[in-house]
N, C-alpha and C. Protein backbone atom coordinates (compact mmCIF):
# COMPACT_ATOMS: atom_id res chain seq x y z
N MET A 1 -18.27 26.65 15.27
CA MET A 1 -18.28 25.06 14.40
C MET A 1 -17.54 25.31 13.32
N GLU A 2 -16.49 24.02 13.42
CA GLU A 2 -15.86 23.98 12.01
C GLU A 2 -16.35 23.58 10.82
N ASN A 3 -16.23 24.07 9.94
CA ASN A 3 -16.81 23.34 8.52
C ASN A 3 -15.97 22.07 8.36
N GLN A 4 -16.72 21.30 7.41
CA GLN A 4 -15.82 19.78 7.18
C GLN A 4 -14.40 20.07 6.49
N GLY A 5 -14.45 20.71 5.67
CA GLY A 5 -12.86 21.50 5.00
C GLY A 5 -12.14 21.91 5.84
N THR A 6 -12.30 22.54 6.83
CA THR A 6 -11.08 23.23 7.83
C THR A 6 -10.99 22.00 8.52
N GLN A 7 -11.78 20.74 9.21
CA GLN A 7 -11.36 20.02 9.81
C GLN A 7 -10.78 18.95 8.84
N SER A 8 -10.96 18.82 7.73
CA SER A 8 -9.97 18.10 6.95
C SER A 8 -8.58 18.31 6.73
N GLN A 9 -8.40 19.87 6.53
CA GLN A 9 -7.14 20.41 6.63
C GLN A 9 -6.45 20.32 7.77
N ASN A 10 -7.27 20.66 9.15
CA ASN A 10 -6.57 20.52 10.23
C ASN A 10 -6.12 18.82 10.46
N MET A 11 -6.78 18.00 10.32
CA MET A 11 -6.29 16.75 10.45
C MET A 11 -5.35 16.20 9.23
N GLU A 12 -5.29 16.59 8.16
CA GLU A 12 -4.03 16.41 7.17
C GLU A 12 -3.03 17.24 8.01
N LYS A 13 -3.03 18.46 8.67
CA LYS A 13 -1.66 18.92 9.09
C LYS A 13 -1.18 17.99 10.21
N LYS A 14 -2.19 17.72 11.06
CA LYS A 14 -2.05 17.00 12.16
C LYS A 14 -1.33 15.71 11.70
N GLN A 15 -1.58 14.84 10.53
CA GLN A 15 -1.12 13.54 10.16
C GLN A 15 0.32 14.14 9.43
N SER A 16 0.35 15.00 8.71
CA SER A 16 1.87 15.02 8.31
C SER A 16 2.64 15.89 9.05
N GLY A 17 2.30 16.29 10.22
CA GLY A 17 3.19 16.63 11.32
C GLY A 17 3.90 15.46 12.10
N LYS A 18 3.44 14.64 12.15
CA LYS A 18 3.34 13.14 12.87
C LYS A 18 4.06 12.01 11.69
N PHE A 19 4.65 12.61 10.51
CA PHE A 19 4.96 11.75 9.57
C PHE A 19 5.92 10.80 9.96
N PHE A 20 7.20 11.20 10.35
CA PHE A 20 8.21 10.54 10.95
C PHE A 20 7.97 9.48 12.16
N ILE A 21 7.14 10.25 12.98
CA ILE A 21 6.90 9.18 14.16
C ILE A 21 5.91 8.07 13.51
N ASN A 22 4.95 8.45 12.34
CA ASN A 22 4.03 7.28 12.09
C ASN A 22 4.75 6.25 11.12
N LEU A 23 6.06 6.55 10.95
CA LEU A 23 6.78 5.70 10.32
C LEU A 23 7.36 4.32 11.33
N PHE A 24 7.19 4.58 12.55
CA PHE A 24 7.30 3.66 13.59
C PHE A 24 6.19 2.46 14.02
N ARG A 25 4.91 3.33 13.52
CA ARG A 25 3.65 2.49 13.73
C ARG A 25 3.31 1.93 12.61
N TRP A 26 2.62 0.42 13.60
CA TRP A 26 2.47 -0.53 12.57
C TRP A 26 1.03 -0.44 12.57
N LYS A 27 0.33 -0.29 13.54
CA LYS A 27 -1.28 -0.28 13.63
C LYS A 27 -1.80 1.01 13.19
N MET A 28 -2.72 1.02 12.22
CA MET A 28 -3.34 2.41 12.14
C MET A 28 -4.72 2.41 12.68
N ASN A 29 -5.13 3.39 13.36
CA ASN A 29 -6.35 3.67 14.17
C ASN A 29 -7.61 3.75 12.91
N GLU A 30 -8.54 3.35 13.40
CA GLU A 30 -9.97 3.20 12.67
C GLU A 30 -10.19 4.66 11.83
N GLU A 31 -9.78 5.71 12.45
CA GLU A 31 -10.32 6.79 12.04
C GLU A 31 -9.20 7.10 10.71
N GLU A 32 -8.02 7.00 10.75
CA GLU A 32 -6.97 7.31 9.77
C GLU A 32 -7.25 6.09 8.62
N LEU A 33 -7.45 4.87 8.99
CA LEU A 33 -8.14 4.14 8.15
C LEU A 33 -9.03 4.40 7.27
N LYS A 34 -9.94 4.83 7.92
CA LYS A 34 -11.42 4.96 7.02
C LYS A 34 -10.98 6.46 6.43
N ARG A 35 -9.79 7.46 6.62
CA ARG A 35 -9.20 8.35 5.92
C ARG A 35 -8.55 7.94 4.65
N GLN A 36 -7.71 7.20 4.68
CA GLN A 36 -6.81 6.34 3.75
C GLN A 36 -7.89 5.72 2.82
N VAL A 37 -8.72 5.08 3.25
CA VAL A 37 -9.56 4.56 1.94
C VAL A 37 -10.88 5.66 1.25
N GLU A 38 -11.34 6.36 2.23
CA GLU A 38 -12.02 7.27 1.61
C GLU A 38 -11.29 8.51 0.66
N ASN A 39 -10.15 8.75 1.00
CA ASN A 39 -9.48 9.60 0.18
C ASN A 39 -8.13 8.65 -0.72
N TYR A 40 -8.39 7.67 -1.09
CA TYR A 40 -7.30 7.02 -1.70
C TYR A 40 -6.61 7.66 -2.60
N ASN A 41 -7.44 7.95 -3.77
CA ASN A 41 -6.71 8.24 -4.62
C ASN A 41 -6.29 9.80 -4.81
N THR A 42 -6.52 10.73 -3.66
CA THR A 42 -6.41 12.10 -3.66
C THR A 42 -5.14 12.52 -2.37
N LEU A 43 -4.73 11.49 -1.82
CA LEU A 43 -3.92 11.75 -0.51
C LEU A 43 -2.40 11.95 -1.25
N GLY A 44 -1.62 12.93 -0.73
CA GLY A 44 -0.24 13.31 -0.85
C GLY A 44 0.76 12.04 -0.64
N LEU A 45 1.61 12.46 -1.13
CA LEU A 45 2.81 11.60 -0.98
C LEU A 45 3.20 11.06 0.50
N PHE A 46 3.12 11.89 1.15
CA PHE A 46 3.60 11.72 2.63
C PHE A 46 2.30 11.47 3.19
N GLN A 47 1.04 11.16 2.85
CA GLN A 47 0.04 10.95 3.48
C GLN A 47 -0.53 9.60 3.26
N SER A 48 -0.42 9.10 2.49
CA SER A 48 -1.12 7.78 1.66
C SER A 48 -0.16 6.82 1.83
N ALA A 49 -0.67 5.77 2.82
CA ALA A 49 0.19 4.46 3.33
C ALA A 49 0.86 3.97 2.08
N ARG A 50 0.23 3.62 0.78
CA ARG A 50 0.64 2.98 -0.30
C ARG A 50 2.05 3.75 -0.90
N LYS A 51 1.61 5.11 -0.80
CA LYS A 51 2.65 6.01 -1.50
C LYS A 51 4.00 5.91 -0.62
N VAL A 52 3.87 6.29 0.85
CA VAL A 52 5.03 5.68 1.79
C VAL A 52 5.98 4.68 1.40
N ALA A 53 5.09 3.47 1.24
CA ALA A 53 5.71 2.26 1.01
C ALA A 53 6.44 2.52 -0.24
N ALA A 54 5.94 2.83 -1.29
CA ALA A 54 6.21 2.59 -2.52
C ALA A 54 7.61 3.66 -2.50
N THR A 55 7.72 4.78 -2.16
CA THR A 55 8.76 5.91 -1.87
C THR A 55 9.69 5.29 -1.17
N LEU A 56 9.64 4.89 -0.05
CA LEU A 56 10.65 3.99 0.56
C LEU A 56 11.25 3.01 -0.19
N PHE A 57 10.93 2.12 -0.96
CA PHE A 57 11.23 1.17 -1.83
C PHE A 57 12.02 1.84 -2.99
N ILE A 58 11.50 2.97 -3.49
CA ILE A 58 12.54 3.81 -4.27
C ILE A 58 13.58 4.39 -4.00
N LEU A 59 13.44 4.58 -2.41
CA LEU A 59 14.70 5.13 -1.81
C LEU A 59 15.61 4.13 -1.70
N SER A 60 15.18 3.21 -1.48
CA SER A 60 16.34 1.86 -1.41
C SER A 60 16.94 1.74 -2.63
N VAL A 61 15.94 1.68 -3.97
CA VAL A 61 16.66 1.19 -4.87
C VAL A 61 17.74 2.72 -5.55
N CYS A 62 17.59 3.80 -5.26
CA CYS A 62 18.25 4.97 -5.43
C CYS A 62 19.71 4.60 -4.32
N VAL A 63 19.51 4.53 -3.16
CA VAL A 63 20.72 4.22 -2.23
C VAL A 63 21.53 3.04 -2.94
N SER A 64 20.91 2.02 -3.17
CA SER A 64 21.51 0.85 -3.76
C SER A 64 22.21 1.06 -5.32
N ILE A 65 21.83 1.64 -6.15
CA ILE A 65 22.20 2.31 -7.31
C ILE A 65 23.47 3.33 -6.81
N PHE A 66 23.30 3.92 -6.02
CA PHE A 66 24.51 4.91 -5.25
C PHE A 66 25.75 3.98 -5.31
N PHE A 67 25.66 3.12 -4.34
CA PHE A 67 26.25 2.38 -3.75
C PHE A 67 27.06 1.19 -4.77
N ILE A 68 26.29 0.73 -5.49
CA ILE A 68 26.69 -0.15 -6.66
C ILE A 68 27.84 0.56 -7.67
N ILE A 69 27.20 1.60 -7.96
CA ILE A 69 27.92 2.80 -8.76
C ILE A 69 29.59 2.93 -8.12
N ASN A 70 29.50 3.14 -6.90
CA ASN A 70 30.62 3.63 -5.96
C ASN A 70 31.69 2.19 -5.57
N GLY A 71 31.15 1.11 -6.10
CA GLY A 71 32.04 -0.19 -5.77
C GLY A 71 31.41 -0.70 -4.26
N GLU A 72 30.55 -0.12 -3.76
CA GLU A 72 30.38 -0.21 -2.26
C GLU A 72 29.69 -1.58 -1.96
N PHE A 73 28.50 -2.08 -3.13
CA PHE A 73 27.85 -3.39 -3.38
C PHE A 73 28.30 -3.67 -4.39
N PRO A 74 28.38 -5.04 -4.51
CA PRO A 74 28.60 -6.05 -5.24
C PRO A 74 27.65 -5.86 -6.53
N GLU A 75 28.21 -6.18 -8.04
CA GLU A 75 27.20 -5.80 -9.18
C GLU A 75 26.29 -6.50 -9.09
N TYR A 76 26.25 -8.02 -8.58
CA TYR A 76 24.98 -8.65 -8.62
C TYR A 76 23.47 -8.10 -7.52
N ALA A 77 23.71 -6.92 -6.95
CA ALA A 77 23.20 -6.43 -6.03
C ALA A 77 21.69 -5.72 -7.14
N LEU A 78 22.42 -5.40 -8.29
CA LEU A 78 21.60 -4.81 -9.12
C LEU A 78 20.49 -5.76 -9.42
N ILE A 79 20.37 -6.99 -9.28
CA ILE A 79 19.15 -7.82 -9.36
C ILE A 79 17.94 -7.47 -8.15
N ASP A 80 18.73 -7.65 -6.86
CA ASP A 80 17.96 -7.09 -5.93
C ASP A 80 17.20 -5.67 -5.94
N THR A 81 17.99 -4.39 -6.51
CA THR A 81 17.55 -3.21 -6.74
C THR A 81 16.18 -3.58 -7.93
N ILE A 82 16.90 -4.12 -9.10
CA ILE A 82 15.41 -4.16 -9.83
C ILE A 82 14.50 -4.53 -9.31
N LEU A 83 14.57 -5.77 -8.86
CA LEU A 83 13.34 -6.25 -7.85
C LEU A 83 12.34 -5.36 -7.29
N PHE A 84 13.29 -4.75 -6.35
CA PHE A 84 12.57 -3.82 -5.38
C PHE A 84 11.89 -2.33 -6.09
N ALA A 85 12.53 -2.18 -7.27
CA ALA A 85 11.80 -1.32 -8.18
C ALA A 85 10.48 -1.75 -8.81
N ILE A 86 10.58 -3.03 -9.12
CA ILE A 86 9.49 -3.46 -9.64
C ILE A 86 8.27 -3.69 -8.76
N LEU A 87 8.62 -3.84 -7.17
CA LEU A 87 7.66 -3.71 -6.29
C LEU A 87 7.25 -2.90 -5.80
N ALA A 88 7.95 -1.75 -6.08
CA ALA A 88 7.55 -0.25 -5.36
C ALA A 88 6.12 0.01 -6.71
N ILE A 89 6.51 -0.42 -8.03
CA ILE A 89 5.65 0.01 -9.22
C ILE A 89 4.14 -0.58 -8.48
N PHE A 90 4.11 -2.12 -8.25
CA PHE A 90 2.92 -2.62 -7.79
C PHE A 90 2.68 -2.38 -6.20
N ILE A 91 3.46 -1.83 -5.49
CA ILE A 91 3.02 -1.22 -4.30
C ILE A 91 2.09 0.00 -4.45
N TYR A 92 2.71 0.97 -5.46
CA TYR A 92 2.04 1.95 -5.72
C TYR A 92 0.70 1.48 -6.32
N LYS A 93 0.40 0.66 -6.89
CA LYS A 93 -0.77 0.40 -7.70
C LYS A 93 -1.51 -0.35 -6.68
N GLY A 94 -1.32 -0.72 -5.48
CA GLY A 94 -2.13 -1.24 -4.14
C GLY A 94 -2.09 -2.64 -4.27
N LYS A 95 -1.31 -3.30 -4.92
CA LYS A 95 -1.17 -4.95 -5.12
C LYS A 95 -0.71 -5.38 -3.65
N LYS A 96 -1.83 -6.05 -3.31
CA LYS A 96 -1.17 -6.57 -2.01
C LYS A 96 -0.17 -7.86 -1.91
N ILE A 97 -0.44 -8.50 -2.93
CA ILE A 97 0.49 -9.41 -2.81
C ILE A 97 2.09 -9.01 -3.07
N ALA A 98 1.97 -7.68 -3.63
CA ALA A 98 3.60 -6.82 -3.99
C ALA A 98 3.75 -6.72 -2.30
N MET A 99 3.04 -6.09 -1.48
CA MET A 99 3.27 -5.89 -0.19
C MET A 99 3.77 -7.09 0.77
N ILE A 100 3.33 -7.91 0.65
CA ILE A 100 3.51 -9.35 1.06
C ILE A 100 4.92 -9.39 0.71
N ILE A 101 5.09 -9.81 -0.54
CA ILE A 101 6.30 -10.05 -1.10
C ILE A 101 7.30 -8.90 -0.66
N GLY A 102 7.15 -7.82 -0.52
CA GLY A 102 7.99 -6.65 -0.10
C GLY A 102 8.44 -6.97 1.38
N MET A 103 7.39 -7.58 2.26
CA MET A 103 7.76 -7.75 3.64
C MET A 103 8.81 -8.93 3.63
N ILE A 104 8.35 -9.98 3.03
CA ILE A 104 9.37 -11.03 2.92
C ILE A 104 10.46 -10.88 2.54
N LEU A 105 11.28 -10.32 1.50
CA LEU A 105 12.25 -9.91 0.85
C LEU A 105 12.90 -8.95 1.64
N TRP A 106 12.39 -7.99 2.46
CA TRP A 106 12.69 -6.86 3.09
C TRP A 106 13.64 -7.80 4.45
N THR A 107 12.63 -8.72 5.00
CA THR A 107 12.76 -9.38 6.32
C THR A 107 14.50 -10.12 5.94
N ILE A 108 14.18 -11.02 4.72
CA ILE A 108 15.53 -11.79 4.46
C ILE A 108 16.61 -11.01 4.08
N GLU A 109 16.49 -9.34 3.37
CA GLU A 109 17.67 -9.01 3.24
C GLU A 109 18.24 -8.43 4.95
N LYS A 110 17.19 -7.83 5.62
CA LYS A 110 17.75 -7.58 6.68
C LYS A 110 18.46 -8.74 7.75
N ILE A 111 17.89 -9.50 7.82
CA ILE A 111 18.52 -10.75 8.52
C ILE A 111 20.03 -11.11 7.90
N TYR A 112 19.87 -10.88 6.34
CA TYR A 112 21.09 -11.14 5.96
C TYR A 112 22.27 -10.25 6.14
N LEU A 113 21.88 -8.84 6.08
CA LEU A 113 22.71 -7.84 6.75
C LEU A 113 22.97 -7.29 8.22
N LEU A 114 22.01 -8.39 9.00
CA LEU A 114 22.24 -8.42 10.53
C LEU A 114 23.74 -8.19 10.95
N SER A 115 24.59 -8.68 10.48
CA SER A 115 26.00 -8.83 11.33
C SER A 115 26.61 -7.34 10.82
N SER A 116 26.37 -6.61 9.87
CA SER A 116 26.96 -5.31 9.48
C SER A 116 25.80 -4.29 10.10
N TYR A 117 26.20 -3.42 11.16
CA TYR A 117 25.44 -2.55 11.59
C TYR A 117 23.93 -3.03 12.08
N PRO A 118 24.01 -3.83 13.07
CA PRO A 118 22.72 -4.80 13.46
C PRO A 118 21.46 -3.68 13.91
N ILE A 119 21.99 -2.30 14.57
CA ILE A 119 21.05 -1.55 15.21
C ILE A 119 20.30 -0.92 13.78
N ILE A 120 21.13 -0.50 13.00
CA ILE A 120 20.64 0.01 11.95
C ILE A 120 19.65 -0.64 10.94
N GLN A 121 19.97 -1.90 10.71
CA GLN A 121 19.25 -3.00 9.90
C GLN A 121 17.80 -3.00 10.87
N ILE A 122 18.00 -3.00 12.14
CA ILE A 122 16.61 -3.17 12.47
C ILE A 122 15.89 -1.79 12.50
N ILE A 123 16.15 -0.92 12.48
CA ILE A 123 15.55 0.51 12.81
C ILE A 123 15.06 0.44 11.11
N TRP A 124 15.71 -0.16 10.19
CA TRP A 124 15.44 0.36 8.76
C TRP A 124 14.07 -0.98 8.56
N TRP A 125 14.26 -1.98 9.12
CA TRP A 125 13.28 -3.02 8.97
C TRP A 125 12.05 -2.51 9.66
N THR A 126 12.56 -1.87 10.70
CA THR A 126 10.92 -1.47 11.61
C THR A 126 10.39 -0.66 10.59
N ILE A 127 11.14 0.49 9.98
CA ILE A 127 10.47 1.39 9.33
C ILE A 127 9.85 0.95 8.06
N TYR A 128 10.00 0.26 7.45
CA TYR A 128 9.83 -0.44 5.96
C TYR A 128 8.52 -1.48 6.23
N MET A 129 8.54 -2.13 7.39
CA MET A 129 7.51 -2.97 7.85
C MET A 129 6.52 -2.31 8.43
N GLY A 130 6.51 -1.51 9.03
CA GLY A 130 5.24 -0.46 9.39
C GLY A 130 4.84 -0.09 8.20
N ALA A 131 5.53 0.55 7.27
CA ALA A 131 4.86 1.17 5.96
C ALA A 131 3.95 0.14 5.26
N LEU A 132 4.82 -0.78 5.04
CA LEU A 132 4.22 -1.95 4.04
C LEU A 132 2.77 -2.40 5.05
N TRP A 133 3.03 -2.41 6.19
CA TRP A 133 1.94 -3.34 7.05
C TRP A 133 0.69 -2.38 6.88
N GLN A 134 0.89 -0.78 7.20
CA GLN A 134 0.05 -0.05 6.93
C GLN A 134 -0.73 0.07 5.51
N ALA A 135 -0.22 -0.07 4.63
CA ALA A 135 -0.45 -0.10 3.26
C ALA A 135 -1.24 -1.39 2.88
N TYR A 136 -0.86 -2.47 3.67
CA TYR A 136 -1.48 -3.84 3.40
C TYR A 136 -3.25 -3.61 4.17
N GLN A 137 -2.78 -2.96 5.38
CA GLN A 137 -4.21 -2.80 5.96
C GLN A 137 -5.31 -1.83 4.99
N VAL A 138 -4.80 -1.11 4.37
CA VAL A 138 -5.58 -0.09 3.57
C VAL A 138 -6.33 -0.96 2.44
N GLU A 139 -5.34 -1.65 2.12
CA GLU A 139 -5.88 -2.62 0.79
C GLU A 139 -6.52 -3.27 1.17
N LYS A 140 -6.52 -4.04 2.43
CA LYS A 140 -7.41 -5.14 2.87
C LYS A 140 -8.81 -4.47 3.05
N ALA A 141 -8.75 -3.69 3.62
CA ALA A 141 -10.14 -2.40 4.06
C ALA A 141 -10.88 -2.15 2.54
N ARG A 142 -9.96 -1.86 1.72
CA ARG A 142 -10.57 -1.34 0.43
C ARG A 142 -11.31 -2.54 -0.16
N ALA A 143 -10.44 -3.75 -0.09
CA ALA A 143 -11.03 -4.93 -0.76
C ALA A 143 -12.42 -5.50 -0.06
N SER A 144 -12.44 -5.41 1.10
CA SER A 144 -13.60 -5.68 2.10
C SER A 144 -14.74 -4.64 1.28
N ILE A 145 -14.59 -3.58 1.45
CA ILE A 145 -15.69 -2.74 1.06
C ILE A 145 -16.35 -3.26 -0.58
N LYS A 146 -15.25 -3.29 -1.22
CA LYS A 146 -15.34 -3.78 -2.57
C LYS A 146 -16.25 -4.98 -2.73
N LYS A 147 -15.66 -5.85 -1.84
CA LYS A 147 -16.56 -7.32 -1.88
C LYS A 147 -17.82 -7.24 -1.50
N SER A 148 -17.78 -6.37 -0.46
CA SER A 148 -19.52 -6.28 -0.03
C SER A 148 -20.47 -5.47 -0.98
N SER A 149 -19.65 -5.01 -1.97
CA SER A 149 -20.82 -3.96 -3.08
C SER A 149 -20.84 -4.95 -4.47
N MET A 150 -20.68 -6.43 -4.35
CA MET A 150 -20.62 -7.21 -5.40
C MET A 150 -22.01 -8.02 -5.16
N ILE A 151 -22.31 -8.49 -6.36
CA ILE A 151 -23.18 -9.24 -6.48
C ILE A 151 -23.39 -10.01 -7.45
N PHE A 152 -24.32 -11.35 -7.70
CA PHE A 152 -23.61 -12.50 -8.45
C PHE A 152 -24.70 -12.16 -9.76
N CYS A 153 -24.29 -12.62 -10.97
CA CYS A 153 -25.26 -12.64 -12.01
C CYS A 153 -26.15 -14.07 -12.01
N ARG A 154 -27.42 -13.79 -12.35
CA ARG A 154 -28.22 -14.97 -11.97
C ARG A 154 -28.31 -15.98 -13.17
N LYS A 155 -27.59 -15.79 -14.23
CA LYS A 155 -27.37 -16.45 -15.55
C LYS A 155 -25.95 -17.34 -15.54
N CYS A 156 -25.10 -16.30 -15.25
CA CYS A 156 -23.59 -17.29 -15.38
C CYS A 156 -22.99 -17.36 -13.93
N GLY A 157 -23.49 -16.91 -13.05
CA GLY A 157 -22.67 -16.77 -11.61
C GLY A 157 -21.54 -16.08 -11.39
N ALA A 158 -21.27 -15.00 -12.35
CA ALA A 158 -20.31 -14.28 -11.90
C ALA A 158 -20.31 -13.00 -11.17
N GLN A 159 -19.32 -13.07 -10.47
CA GLN A 159 -19.44 -11.88 -9.43
C GLN A 159 -19.31 -10.44 -10.03
N ILE A 160 -20.02 -9.67 -9.95
CA ILE A 160 -20.13 -8.34 -10.26
C ILE A 160 -20.46 -7.22 -9.63
N GLU A 161 -19.85 -5.85 -9.86
CA GLU A 161 -20.48 -4.88 -9.01
C GLU A 161 -21.91 -4.67 -8.97
N SER A 162 -22.39 -4.13 -7.68
CA SER A 162 -23.71 -4.10 -7.65
C SER A 162 -24.41 -2.74 -8.62
N ASP A 163 -23.55 -1.72 -8.76
CA ASP A 163 -24.24 -0.91 -9.57
C ASP A 163 -23.82 -0.93 -11.51
N SER A 164 -23.51 -2.29 -11.57
CA SER A 164 -23.42 -2.54 -13.20
C SER A 164 -24.61 -2.68 -13.85
N LYS A 165 -25.11 -2.23 -14.94
CA LYS A 165 -26.21 -2.80 -15.68
C LYS A 165 -26.32 -3.99 -16.31
N PHE A 166 -25.10 -4.35 -16.57
CA PHE A 166 -24.83 -5.71 -17.47
C PHE A 166 -23.79 -6.91 -16.82
N CYS A 167 -23.79 -7.99 -16.85
CA CYS A 167 -22.97 -8.81 -16.39
C CYS A 167 -21.73 -8.76 -17.35
N VAL A 168 -20.53 -8.54 -16.57
CA VAL A 168 -19.14 -8.55 -17.84
C VAL A 168 -18.76 -9.64 -18.20
N ARG A 169 -19.62 -11.02 -17.70
CA ARG A 169 -19.10 -12.19 -18.36
C ARG A 169 -19.97 -12.61 -19.46
N CYS A 170 -21.34 -12.44 -19.46
CA CYS A 170 -22.09 -13.06 -20.10
C CYS A 170 -23.42 -11.96 -20.83
N GLY A 171 -23.31 -10.53 -20.03
CA GLY A 171 -23.84 -9.93 -20.99
C GLY A 171 -25.22 -9.46 -20.36
N GLU A 172 -25.96 -10.58 -19.44
CA GLU A 172 -27.03 -10.46 -19.00
C GLU A 172 -27.17 -9.16 -18.57
N LYS A 173 -28.42 -8.65 -18.76
CA LYS A 173 -28.80 -7.41 -18.07
C LYS A 173 -29.48 -7.62 -16.44
N ILE A 174 -28.82 -6.70 -15.75
CA ILE A 174 -28.90 -6.76 -14.52
C ILE A 174 -30.35 -5.92 -13.93
N ILE A 175 -31.30 -6.45 -13.14
CA ILE A 175 -32.36 -5.92 -12.76
C ILE A 175 -32.22 -4.48 -11.81
N SER A 176 -32.56 -3.70 -12.27
CA SER A 176 -32.61 -2.44 -11.96
C SER A 176 -32.35 -1.96 -10.39
N ASP A 177 -33.20 -2.81 -9.53
CA ASP A 177 -32.98 -2.66 -8.05
C ASP A 177 -31.77 -3.37 -7.72
N ASN A 178 -30.65 -3.83 -8.27
CA ASN A 178 -29.32 -4.35 -8.00
C ASN A 178 -29.96 -5.53 -7.44
N GLN A 179 -31.03 -6.33 -7.24
CA GLN A 179 -31.02 -7.48 -6.89
C GLN A 179 -31.30 -8.70 -8.08
N ASN A 180 -30.16 -9.17 -8.09
CA ASN A 180 -30.25 -10.21 -9.65
C ASN A 180 -30.34 -11.83 -8.90
N ILE A 181 -31.77 -11.73 -8.81
CA ILE A 181 -31.92 -13.42 -8.03
C ILE A 181 -32.60 -14.11 -9.29
């Protein structure tokens, strides 16, 4: 019987071996979603959904800068590039709104560029949207777990984490059994 550490290593090898295939998947199975949430801060660059999405945006930034410098893209494309760099930072930090904005902007850009190399644009759109959607699923799952561990202060009604000792808004002491009624 394998121990849990060996099972975890085997799972990571299995997942990293399918990295490029997973770029085209939008839906994450329950086991993978659970692994993403439980190991949120420890997963590697190509194992974490949010890190993959942020890395793809950084890749776009680098490619865009290269083409701007070489005169292939107009200078005003730098605005788009800066916006994607900012989005990459917020995606890496796990901000769901940045992922949604990224999906919208990426779709608009690919529609705009569809007339040039349509197959390539569709492939890139599919890869980025899959990565962003998976990252969004992880953040949504994390938010639902966090929300379920929240209670309300009996004095001011503020929502606080169930393991808090005091209310963050009014300072009211929280009853030790985490039932602040």
